[in-house]
Amino acid sequence: MTLLTTLIDPATLSAMAPGEVLIVDCNFDLADPGKGEREFRLGHIPGAVYANLDHDLSDLSRQHEGLGRHPLPLETAFSAVLSRWGWRTGTPVVSYDAGSGALTAARLWWLLRLAGVRDVAVLDGGFAAWKKAGLPVEEGEPAARAATEVALHYDETQVLTDHAALGQGSGQLLDARAAPRYRGDVEPLDRVGGHVPGALNRPFPDNLADDGRFKPAAQLRAEFSAVLGDTKPADVVHMCGSGVTACHNLLAMEHAGLHGSRLYAPSWSGWISDASRPVAKG
């Protein structure tokens, strides 16, 4: 079965046959990096594997390169992760986290798309929606999977890592952080508050309805258009604190039919790695 959408609902996922799809639990807590894996052992979607933001979907050893708090893993490293999970070319992937897909579920979705995997979706509403639907939950470690041969390559046109290119025709930056962080009123994670000059703000929680699921596509399309004006989707470059929650906005735009936006992967933490770069407030 091919996933033709950016999102999948719990009922549709539950109807898929075992082995028909790779399910990845991406629950992660920035304040407690081990919490997600502990909670995975206490309960997860049957057959799921676990993805750790720091070790599987980032390469923290590259932080000194000015690539932000969560640098992208190298192609070889990400291919090795997929190999360990037993993923095979053509197998659809569904990612989820504790609730809204706000952290690593959308990050994994985007990484797979960056690597050319199109049959991938985020579970709308996450594990909370799965449990609310009364669907089965499995405890313990994931079942052992036979390693596969995987060698994926990134599409560099989808990602921006060159700080100097910002503001030189690279596109309109859209910052997914909360408004107080964007304005520079507070900064709980990085050494400097504020935003890249010229960046607009669209806090990622605005993509969700009260039930924790994504808003309807038409509503999202109208809301993004209100922020972006006449900017074409392909000219939008998403950012956040470290290139993680920005993927939520990118996912929301794709769900809304606004295709082709890109990610500034180093994001704010990468931008401020050089004190000479300008910072905007307010």
C-alpha atoms as a PDB file:
ATOM      1  CA  MET A   1       0.000   0.000   0.000  1.00  0.00           C
ATOM      2  CA  THR A   2       1.337   3.430  -0.955  1.00  0.00           C
ATOM      3  CA  LEU A   3       0.724   6.383   1.322  1.00  0.00           C
ATOM      4  CA  LEU A   4      -0.366   9.257  -0.866  1.00  0.00           C
ATOM      5  CA  THR A   5      -0.789  11.803   1.924  1.00  0.00           C
ATOM      6  CA  THR A   6       1.285  13.672   4.465  1.00  0.00           C
ATOM      7  CA  LEU A   7      -1.010  12.542   7.296  1.00  0.00           C
ATOM      8  CA  ILE A   8      -2.692   9.273   8.226  1.00  0.00           C
ATOM      9  CA  ASP A   9      -5.447   8.704  10.770  1.00  0.00           C
ATOM     10  CA  PRO A  10      -5.361   5.969  13.440  1.00  0.00           C
ATOM     11  CA  ALA A  11      -8.122   3.883  11.854  1.00  0.00           C
ATOM     12  CA  THR A  12      -6.375   3.740   8.486  1.00  0.00           C
ATOM     13  CA  LEU A  13      -3.061   2.804  10.073  1.00  0.00           C
ATOM     14  CA  SER A  14      -4.652   0.104  12.236  1.00  0.00           C
ATOM     15  CA  ALA A  15      -6.199  -1.495   9.144  1.00  0.00           C
ATOM     16  CA  MET A  16      -2.809  -2.008   7.499  1.00  0.00           C
ATOM     17  CA  ALA A  17      -1.414  -5.524   7.639  1.00  0.00           C
ATOM     18  CA  PRO A  18       1.582  -6.320   9.878  1.00  0.00           C
ATOM     19  CA  GLY A  19       4.774  -5.855   7.911  1.00  0.00           C
ATOM     20  CA  GLU A  20       3.027  -3.668   5.321  1.00  0.00           C
ATOM     21  CA  VAL A  21       4.355  -0.482   6.892  1.00  0.00           C
ATOM     22  CA  LEU A  22       7.272   0.573   9.104  1.00  0.00           C
ATOM     23  CA  ILE A  23       5.926   2.411  12.159  1.00  0.00           C
ATOM     24  CA  VAL A  24       8.365   4.643  14.036  1.00  0.00           C
ATOM     25  CA  ASP A  25       7.766   6.039  17.529  1.00  0.00           C
ATOM     26  CA  CYS A  26       9.523   9.414  17.706  1.00  0.00           C
ATOM     27  CA  ASN A  27       8.498  10.548  21.173  1.00  0.00           C
ATOM     28  CA  PHE A  28      11.225  12.784  22.616  1.00  0.00           C
ATOM     29  CA  ASP A  29      11.570  15.331  25.417  1.00  0.00           C
ATOM     30  CA  LEU A  30      14.267  17.999  25.056  1.00  0.00           C
ATOM     31  CA  ALA A  31      14.410  18.408  28.838  1.00  0.00           C
ATOM     32  CA  ASP A  32      14.806  14.651  29.420  1.00  0.00           C
ATOM     33  CA  PRO A  33      16.379  12.947  26.366  1.00  0.00           C
ATOM     34  CA  GLY A  34      15.843   9.451  27.780  1.00  0.00           C
ATOM     35  CA  LYS A  35      12.159   9.901  28.579  1.00  0.00           C
ATOM     36  CA  GLY A  36      10.835   9.011  25.133  1.00  0.00           C
ATOM     37  CA  GLU A  37      12.569   5.651  25.050  1.00  0.00           C
ATOM     38  CA  ARG A  38      11.412   4.827  28.580  1.00  0.00           C
ATOM     39  CA  GLU A  39       7.842   5.640  27.626  1.00  0.00           C
ATOM     40  CA  PHE A  40       8.202   3.540  24.466  1.00  0.00           C
ATOM     41  CA  ARG A  41       8.892   0.475  26.622  1.00  0.00           C
ATOM     42  CA  LEU A  42       5.775   1.213  28.671  1.00  0.00           C
ATOM     43  CA  GLY A  43       3.562   1.384  25.626  1.00  0.00           C
ATOM     44  CA  HIS A  44       3.740   1.886  21.864  1.00  0.00           C
ATOM     45  CA  ILE A  45       1.906   1.009  18.669  1.00  0.00           C
ATOM     46  CA  PRO A  46       2.404  -2.725  18.023  1.00  0.00           C
ATOM     47  CA  GLY A  47       5.382  -3.419  15.805  1.00  0.00           C
ATOM     48  CA  ALA A  48       6.855   0.067  16.099  1.00  0.00           C
ATOM     49  CA  VAL A  49      10.558   0.838  16.344  1.00  0.00           C
ATOM     50  CA  TYR A  50      11.948   3.771  18.318  1.00  0.00           C
ATOM     51  CA  ALA A  51      13.754   6.836  16.887  1.00  0.00           C
ATOM     52  CA  ASN A  52      15.863   9.015  19.175  1.00  0.00           C
ATOM     53  CA  LEU A  53      16.153  12.635  18.027  1.00  0.00           C
ATOM     54  CA  ASP A  54      19.713  13.041  19.310  1.00  0.00           C
ATOM     55  CA  HIS A  55      21.137   9.743  18.065  1.00  0.00           C
ATOM     56  CA  ASP A  56      19.041   8.661  15.066  1.00  0.00           C
ATOM     57  CA  LEU A  57      17.753  11.864  13.486  1.00  0.00           C
ATOM     58  CA  SER A  58      20.618  14.229  14.329  1.00  0.00           C
ATOM     59  CA  ASP A  59      24.405  14.160  14.559  1.00  0.00           C
ATOM     60  CA  LEU A  60      25.321  16.078  17.698  1.00  0.00           C
ATOM     61  CA  SER A  61      29.034  15.661  16.941  1.00  0.00           C
ATOM     62  CA  ARG A  62      28.609  18.296  14.213  1.00  0.00           C
ATOM     63  CA  GLN A  63      27.318  21.064  16.481  1.00  0.00           C
ATOM     64  CA  HIS A  64      30.709  22.810  16.422  1.00  0.00           C
ATOM     65  CA  GLU A  65      30.367  23.276  12.645  1.00  0.00           C
ATOM     66  CA  GLY A  66      27.754  26.000  13.136  1.00  0.00           C
ATOM     67  CA  LEU A  67      24.958  23.662  12.085  1.00  0.00           C
ATOM     68  CA  GLY A  68      22.741  24.266  15.111  1.00  0.00           C
ATOM     69  CA  ARG A  69      21.751  22.188  18.126  1.00  0.00           C
ATOM     70  CA  HIS A  70      20.441  19.299  15.996  1.00  0.00           C
ATOM     71  CA  PRO A  71      22.645  19.004  12.900  1.00  0.00           C
ATOM     72  CA  LEU A  72      21.353  16.711  10.183  1.00  0.00           C
ATOM     73  CA  PRO A  73      22.845  13.212  10.192  1.00  0.00           C
ATOM     74  CA  LEU A  74      25.076  12.365   7.260  1.00  0.00           C
ATOM     75  CA  GLU A  75      23.461  10.354   4.473  1.00  0.00           C
ATOM     76  CA  THR A  76      25.435   7.286   5.474  1.00  0.00           C
ATOM     77  CA  ALA A  77      24.387   7.572   9.125  1.00  0.00           C
ATOM     78  CA  PHE A  78      20.692   7.999   8.307  1.00  0.00           C
ATOM     79  CA  SER A  79      20.878   5.091   5.857  1.00  0.00           C
ATOM     80  CA  ALA A  80      22.387   2.967   8.638  1.00  0.00           C
ATOM     81  CA  VAL A  81      19.496   3.863  10.957  1.00  0.00           C
ATOM     82  CA  LEU A  82      16.953   2.763   8.337  1.00  0.00           C
ATOM     83  CA  SER A  83      18.953  -0.412   7.760  1.00  0.00           C
ATOM     84  CA  ARG A  84      18.866  -1.184  11.502  1.00  0.00           C
ATOM     85  CA  TRP A  85      15.098  -0.733  11.479  1.00  0.00           C
ATOM     86  CA  GLY A  86      14.798  -3.212   8.634  1.00  0.00           C
ATOM     87  CA  TRP A  87      13.329  -0.710   6.194  1.00  0.00           C
ATOM     88  CA  ARG A  88      13.273  -1.746   2.543  1.00  0.00           C
ATOM     89  CA  THR A  89      12.836   0.441  -0.518  1.00  0.00           C
ATOM     90  CA  GLY A  90       9.148   0.781  -1.296  1.00  0.00           C
ATOM     91  CA  THR A  91       7.976   0.162   2.273  1.00  0.00           C
ATOM     92  CA  PRO A  92       5.740   2.993   3.526  1.00  0.00           C
ATOM     93  CA  VAL A  93       6.712   4.677   6.794  1.00  0.00           C
ATOM     94  CA  VAL A  94       4.450   6.180   9.449  1.00  0.00           C
ATOM     95  CA  SER A  95       5.999   8.297  12.190  1.00  0.00           C
ATOM     96  CA  TYR A  96       4.320   9.430  15.384  1.00  0.00           C
ATOM     97  CA  ASP A  97       5.098  10.956  18.736  1.00  0.00           C
ATOM     98  CA  ALA A  98       3.221  11.555  21.962  1.00  0.00           C
ATOM     99  CA  GLY A  99       0.694  13.946  20.521  1.00  0.00           C
ATOM    100  CA  SER A 100       0.864  16.411  17.680  1.00  0.00           C
ATOM    101  CA  GLY A 101       3.863  15.427  15.588  1.00  0.00           C
ATOM    102  CA  ALA A 102       5.465  18.644  16.769  1.00  0.00           C
ATOM    103  CA  LEU A 103       8.923  17.275  17.372  1.00  0.00           C
ATOM    104  CA  THR A 104      10.558  14.278  15.797  1.00  0.00           C
ATOM    105  CA  ALA A 105       7.594  12.744  13.973  1.00  0.00           C
ATOM    106  CA  ALA A 106       7.635  15.632  11.519  1.00  0.00           C
ATOM    107  CA  ARG A 107      11.454  15.653  11.565  1.00  0.00           C
ATOM    108  CA  LEU A 108      11.585  11.994  10.477  1.00  0.00           C
ATOM    109  CA  TRP A 109       8.898  12.636   7.854  1.00  0.00           C
ATOM    110  CA  TRP A 110      10.999  15.453   6.405  1.00  0.00           C
ATOM    111  CA  LEU A 111      14.298  13.550   6.576  1.00  0.00           C
ATOM    112  CA  LEU A 112      12.774  10.677   4.619  1.00  0.00           C
ATOM    113  CA  ARG A 113      11.460  13.075   1.995  1.00  0.00           C
ATOM    114  CA  LEU A 114      14.889  14.711   1.844  1.00  0.00           C
ATOM    115  CA  ALA A 115      16.290  11.253   1.139  1.00  0.00           C
ATOM    116  CA  GLY A 116      13.796  10.642  -1.664  1.00  0.00           C
ATOM    117  CA  VAL A 117      11.289   8.490   0.247  1.00  0.00           C
ATOM    118  CA  ARG A 118       7.817   9.721  -0.695  1.00  0.00           C
ATOM    119  CA  ASP A 119       5.620   7.043   0.908  1.00  0.00           C
ATOM    120  CA  VAL A 120       5.727   8.527   4.376  1.00  0.00           C
ATOM    121  CA  ALA A 121       3.114  10.064   6.645  1.00  0.00           C
ATOM    122  CA  VAL A 122       2.718  11.374  10.179  1.00  0.00           C
ATOM    123  CA  LEU A 123       0.029   9.876  12.409  1.00  0.00           C
ATOM    124  CA  ASP A 124      -2.451  12.705  12.858  1.00  0.00           C
ATOM    125  CA  GLY A 125      -2.913  13.276  16.595  1.00  0.00           C
ATOM    126  CA  GLY A 126      -0.048  10.941  17.438  1.00  0.00           C
ATOM    127  CA  PHE A 127      -0.082   8.244  20.119  1.00  0.00           C
ATOM    128  CA  ALA A 128      -2.722  10.173  22.075  1.00  0.00           C
ATOM    129  CA  ALA A 129      -5.182   9.806  19.187  1.00  0.00           C
ATOM    130  CA  TRP A 130      -4.273   6.114  18.796  1.00  0.00           C
ATOM    131  CA  LYS A 131      -5.051   5.397  22.441  1.00  0.00           C
ATOM    132  CA  LYS A 132      -8.194   7.532  22.396  1.00  0.00           C
ATOM    133  CA  ALA A 133      -9.463   5.362  19.544  1.00  0.00           C
ATOM    134  CA  GLY A 134      -9.071   2.300  21.790  1.00  0.00           C
ATOM    135  CA  LEU A 135      -6.499   0.675  19.531  1.00  0.00           C
ATOM    136  CA  PRO A 136      -4.021  -1.932  20.863  1.00  0.00           C
ATOM    137  CA  VAL A 137      -0.837  -0.982  22.664  1.00  0.00           C
ATOM    138  CA  GLU A 138       2.309  -3.089  22.995  1.00  0.00           C
ATOM    139  CA  GLU A 139       4.859  -2.980  25.821  1.00  0.00           C
ATOM    140  CA  GLY A 140       8.548  -3.809  25.998  1.00  0.00           C
ATOM    141  CA  GLU A 141      11.374  -3.685  23.504  1.00  0.00           C
ATOM    142  CA  PRO A 142      10.693  -3.680  19.745  1.00  0.00           C
ATOM    143  CA  ALA A 143      10.918  -7.024  18.009  1.00  0.00           C
ATOM    144  CA  ALA A 144      14.301  -7.797  16.453  1.00  0.00           C
ATOM    145  CA  ARG A 145      14.433  -6.959  12.752  1.00  0.00           C
ATOM    146  CA  ALA A 146      16.772  -8.253  10.097  1.00  0.00           C
ATOM    147  CA  ALA A 147      19.096  -5.499   8.882  1.00  0.00           C
ATOM    148  CA  THR A 148      18.731  -4.427   5.278  1.00  0.00           C
ATOM    149  CA  GLU A 149      20.970  -2.737   2.722  1.00  0.00           C
ATOM    150  CA  VAL A 150      20.085   0.949   2.531  1.00  0.00           C
ATOM    151  CA  ALA A 151      21.990   3.698   0.729  1.00  0.00           C
ATOM    152  CA  LEU A 152      19.951   6.874   0.414  1.00  0.00           C
ATOM    153  CA  HIS A 153      21.070  10.288  -0.787  1.00  0.00           C
ATOM    154  CA  TYR A 154      19.756  13.701   0.159  1.00  0.00           C
ATOM    155  CA  ASP A 155      18.189  16.102  -2.312  1.00  0.00           C
ATOM    156  CA  GLU A 156      20.261  19.183  -1.482  1.00  0.00           C
ATOM    157  CA  THR A 157      17.749  21.462  -3.222  1.00  0.00           C
ATOM    158  CA  GLN A 158      15.314  20.870  -0.325  1.00  0.00           C
ATOM    159  CA  VAL A 159      17.608  22.097   2.420  1.00  0.00           C
ATOM    160  CA  LEU A 160      19.559  25.262   3.131  1.00  0.00           C
ATOM    161  CA  THR A 161      22.643  25.168   5.366  1.00  0.00           C
ATOM    162  CA  ASP A 162      24.591  28.155   4.035  1.00  0.00           C
ATOM    163  CA  HIS A 163      24.042  31.032   6.462  1.00  0.00           C
ATOM    164  CA  ALA A 164      25.474  33.533   3.992  1.00  0.00           C
ATOM    165  CA  ALA A 165      22.779  32.675   1.459  1.00  0.00           C
ATOM    166  CA  LEU A 166      19.996  33.987   3.705  1.00  0.00           C
ATOM    167  CA  GLY A 167      18.657  37.264   2.451  1.00  0.00           C
ATOM    168  CA  GLN A 168      20.347  36.868  -0.924  1.00  0.00           C
ATOM    169  CA  GLY A 169      17.423  35.556  -2.915  1.00  0.00           C
ATOM    170  CA  SER A 170      17.237  32.333  -0.887  1.00  0.00           C
ATOM    171  CA  GLY A 171      13.564  32.835  -0.030  1.00  0.00           C
ATOM    172  CA  GLN A 172      11.254  34.099   2.693  1.00  0.00           C
ATOM    173  CA  LEU A 173      12.154  32.751   6.137  1.00  0.00           C
ATOM    174  CA  LEU A 174       9.257  31.505   8.269  1.00  0.00           C
ATOM    175  CA  ASP A 175      10.097  30.947  11.947  1.00  0.00           C
ATOM    176  CA  ALA A 176       8.095  28.223  13.750  1.00  0.00           C
ATOM    177  CA  ARG A 177       9.035  29.223  17.307  1.00  0.00           C
ATOM    178  CA  ALA A 178       6.603  30.689  19.821  1.00  0.00           C
ATOM    179  CA  ALA A 179       6.063  34.432  19.421  1.00  0.00           C
ATOM    180  CA  PRO A 180       7.908  35.418  22.654  1.00  0.00           C
ATOM    181  CA  ARG A 181      11.046  33.595  21.472  1.00  0.00           C
ATOM    182  CA  TYR A 182      10.742  35.046  17.987  1.00  0.00           C
ATOM    183  CA  ARG A 183      10.450  38.554  19.446  1.00  0.00           C
ATOM    184  CA  GLY A 184      13.374  37.932  21.792  1.00  0.00           C
ATOM    185  CA  ASP A 185      11.308  38.439  24.957  1.00  0.00           C
ATOM    186  CA  VAL A 186      12.550  35.093  26.319  1.00  0.00           C
ATOM    187  CA  GLU A 187      15.057  32.491  25.199  1.00  0.00           C
ATOM    188  CA  PRO A 188      15.116  29.242  27.201  1.00  0.00           C
ATOM    189  CA  LEU A 189      17.449  27.236  24.944  1.00  0.00           C
ATOM    190  CA  ASP A 190      19.863  29.431  23.001  1.00  0.00           C
ATOM    191  CA  ARG A 191      22.328  32.072  24.162  1.00  0.00           C
ATOM    192  CA  VAL A 192      20.680  34.922  22.248  1.00  0.00           C
ATOM    193  CA  GLY A 193      17.006  35.760  21.736  1.00  0.00           C
ATOM    194  CA  GLY A 194      15.372  37.275  18.689  1.00  0.00           C
ATOM    195  CA  HIS A 195      15.102  36.281  15.049  1.00  0.00           C
ATOM    196  CA  VAL A 196      16.864  36.466  11.707  1.00  0.00           C
ATOM    197  CA  PRO A 197      16.145  39.870  10.150  1.00  0.00           C
ATOM    198  CA  GLY A 198      13.306  39.613   7.662  1.00  0.00           C
ATOM    199  CA  ALA A 199      11.923  36.352   9.025  1.00  0.00           C
ATOM    200  CA  LEU A 200       8.180  36.048   9.560  1.00  0.00           C
ATOM    201  CA  ASN A 201       6.590  34.121  12.424  1.00  0.00           C
ATOM    202  CA  ARG A 202       4.154  31.176  12.329  1.00  0.00           C
ATOM    203  CA  PRO A 203       4.238  29.275  15.654  1.00  0.00           C
ATOM    204  CA  PHE A 204       3.842  25.584  14.835  1.00  0.00           C
ATOM    205  CA  PRO A 205       1.047  24.923  17.406  1.00  0.00           C
ATOM    206  CA  ASP A 206      -1.166  27.149  15.242  1.00  0.00           C
ATOM    207  CA  ASN A 207      -1.333  24.242  12.776  1.00  0.00           C
ATOM    208  CA  LEU A 208      -3.425  22.193  15.195  1.00  0.00           C
ATOM    209  CA  ALA A 209      -7.089  22.135  16.146  1.00  0.00           C
ATOM    210  CA  ASP A 210      -8.224  21.850  19.758  1.00  0.00           C
ATOM    211  CA  ASP A 211      -8.204  18.038  19.550  1.00  0.00           C
ATOM    212  CA  GLY A 212      -4.475  17.962  18.742  1.00  0.00           C
ATOM    213  CA  ARG A 213      -4.970  17.026  15.091  1.00  0.00           C
ATOM    214  CA  PHE A 214      -4.025  19.148  12.116  1.00  0.00           C
ATOM    215  CA  LYS A 215      -6.548  21.721  10.970  1.00  0.00           C
ATOM    216  CA  PRO A 216      -8.323  21.075   7.653  1.00  0.00           C
ATOM    217  CA  ALA A 217      -6.200  21.717   4.575  1.00  0.00           C
ATOM    218  CA  ALA A 218      -8.293  24.655   3.393  1.00  0.00           C
ATOM    219  CA  GLN A 219      -8.009  26.384   6.770  1.00  0.00           C
ATOM    220  CA  LEU A 220      -4.240  25.873   6.883  1.00  0.00           C
ATOM    221  CA  ARG A 221      -3.909  27.181   3.345  1.00  0.00           C
ATOM    222  CA  ALA A 222      -5.792  30.358   4.265  1.00  0.00           C
ATOM    223  CA  GLU A 223      -3.782  30.889   7.455  1.00  0.00           C
ATOM    224  CA  PHE A 224      -0.383  30.430   5.783  1.00  0.00           C
ATOM    225  CA  SER A 225      -1.451  32.708   2.940  1.00  0.00           C
ATOM    226  CA  ALA A 226      -2.400  35.369   5.502  1.00  0.00           C
ATOM    227  CA  VAL A 227       1.148  35.261   6.881  1.00  0.00           C
ATOM    228  CA  LEU A 228       3.042  34.854   3.615  1.00  0.00           C
ATOM    229  CA  GLY A 229       0.985  37.087   1.343  1.00  0.00           C
ATOM    230  CA  ASP A 230       1.963  36.630  -2.304  1.00  0.00           C
ATOM    231  CA  THR A 231       5.103  34.600  -1.520  1.00  0.00           C
ATOM    232  CA  LYS A 232       5.098  31.390  -3.533  1.00  0.00           C
ATOM    233  CA  PRO A 233       5.345  28.164  -1.479  1.00  0.00           C
ATOM    234  CA  ALA A 234       8.579  27.224  -3.254  1.00  0.00           C
ATOM    235  CA  ASP A 235      10.110  30.491  -2.034  1.00  0.00           C
ATOM    236  CA  VAL A 236       9.400  29.741   1.644  1.00  0.00           C
ATOM    237  CA  VAL A 237      12.272  28.571   3.868  1.00  0.00           C
ATOM    238  CA  HIS A 238      11.292  27.206   7.279  1.00  0.00           C
ATOM    239  CA  MET A 239      13.300  27.596  10.461  1.00  0.00           C
ATOM    240  CA  CYS A 240      12.902  27.264  14.235  1.00  0.00           C
ATOM    241  CA  GLY A 241      15.397  26.838  17.065  1.00  0.00           C
ATOM    242  CA  SER A 242      17.309  23.854  15.671  1.00  0.00           C
ATOM    243  CA  GLY A 243      15.520  22.617  12.551  1.00  0.00           C
ATOM    244  CA  VAL A 244      13.061  20.278  14.277  1.00  0.00           C
ATOM    245  CA  THR A 245       9.728  22.002  14.897  1.00  0.00           C
ATOM    246  CA  ALA A 246      10.154  23.889  11.605  1.00  0.00           C
ATOM    247  CA  CYS A 247       9.346  20.562   9.948  1.00  0.00           C
ATOM    248  CA  HIS A 248       5.868  20.835  11.487  1.00  0.00           C
ATOM    249  CA  ASN A 249       5.199  23.986   9.465  1.00  0.00           C
ATOM    250  CA  LEU A 250       6.631  22.362   6.357  1.00  0.00           C
ATOM    251  CA  LEU A 251       4.364  19.357   6.882  1.00  0.00           C
ATOM    252  CA  ALA A 252       1.361  21.618   7.428  1.00  0.00           C
ATOM    253  CA  MET A 253       2.046  23.504   4.208  1.00  0.00           C
ATOM    254  CA  GLU A 254       2.352  20.279   2.236  1.00  0.00           C
ATOM    255  CA  HIS A 255      -0.894  19.026   3.786  1.00  0.00           C
ATOM    256  CA  ALA A 256      -2.499  22.321   2.741  1.00  0.00           C
ATOM    257  CA  GLY A 257      -1.407  21.840  -0.858  1.00  0.00           C
ATOM    258  CA  LEU A 258       1.301  24.512  -0.602  1.00  0.00           C
ATOM    259  CA  HIS A 259       4.107  22.446  -2.067  1.00  0.00           C
ATOM    260  CA  GLY A 260       7.830  22.908  -2.406  1.00  0.00           C
ATOM    261  CA  SER A 261       8.956  24.883   0.655  1.00  0.00           C
ATOM    262  CA  ARG A 262      12.395  24.149   2.121  1.00  0.00           C
ATOM    263  CA  LEU A 263      14.162  23.954   5.493  1.00  0.00           C
ATOM    264  CA  TYR A 264      16.957  26.128   6.877  1.00  0.00           C
ATOM    265  CA  ALA A 265      18.363  23.227   8.862  1.00  0.00           C
ATOM    266  CA  PRO A 266      20.750  25.047  11.279  1.00  0.00           C
ATOM    267  CA  SER A 267      17.933  27.461  12.162  1.00  0.00           C
ATOM    268  CA  TRP A 268      18.297  30.005  14.965  1.00  0.00           C
ATOM    269  CA  SER A 269      20.910  28.083  16.970  1.00  0.00           C
ATOM    270  CA  GLY A 270      23.055  27.855  13.842  1.00  0.00           C
ATOM    271  CA  TRP A 271      22.526  31.485  12.873  1.00  0.00           C
ATOM    272  CA  ILE A 272      23.755  32.789  16.232  1.00  0.00           C
ATOM    273  CA  SER A 273      26.840  30.535  16.224  1.00  0.00           C
ATOM    274  CA  ASP A 274      28.582  33.557  14.699  1.00  0.00           C
ATOM    275  CA  ALA A 275      28.175  36.626  16.915  1.00  0.00           C
ATOM    276  CA  SER A 276      28.704  38.936  13.953  1.00  0.00           C
ATOM    277  CA  ARG A 277      25.395  37.957  12.336  1.00  0.00           C
ATOM    278  CA  PRO A 278      22.586  40.457  12.887  1.00  0.00           C
ATOM    279  CA  VAL A 279      19.740  39.786  15.308  1.00  0.00           C
ATOM    280  CA  ALA A 280      16.284  41.344  15.066  1.00  0.00           C
ATOM    281  CA  LYS A 281      14.025  41.934  18.064  1.00  0.00           C
ATOM    282  CA  GLY A 282      10.333  42.579  18.449  1.00  0.00           C
END
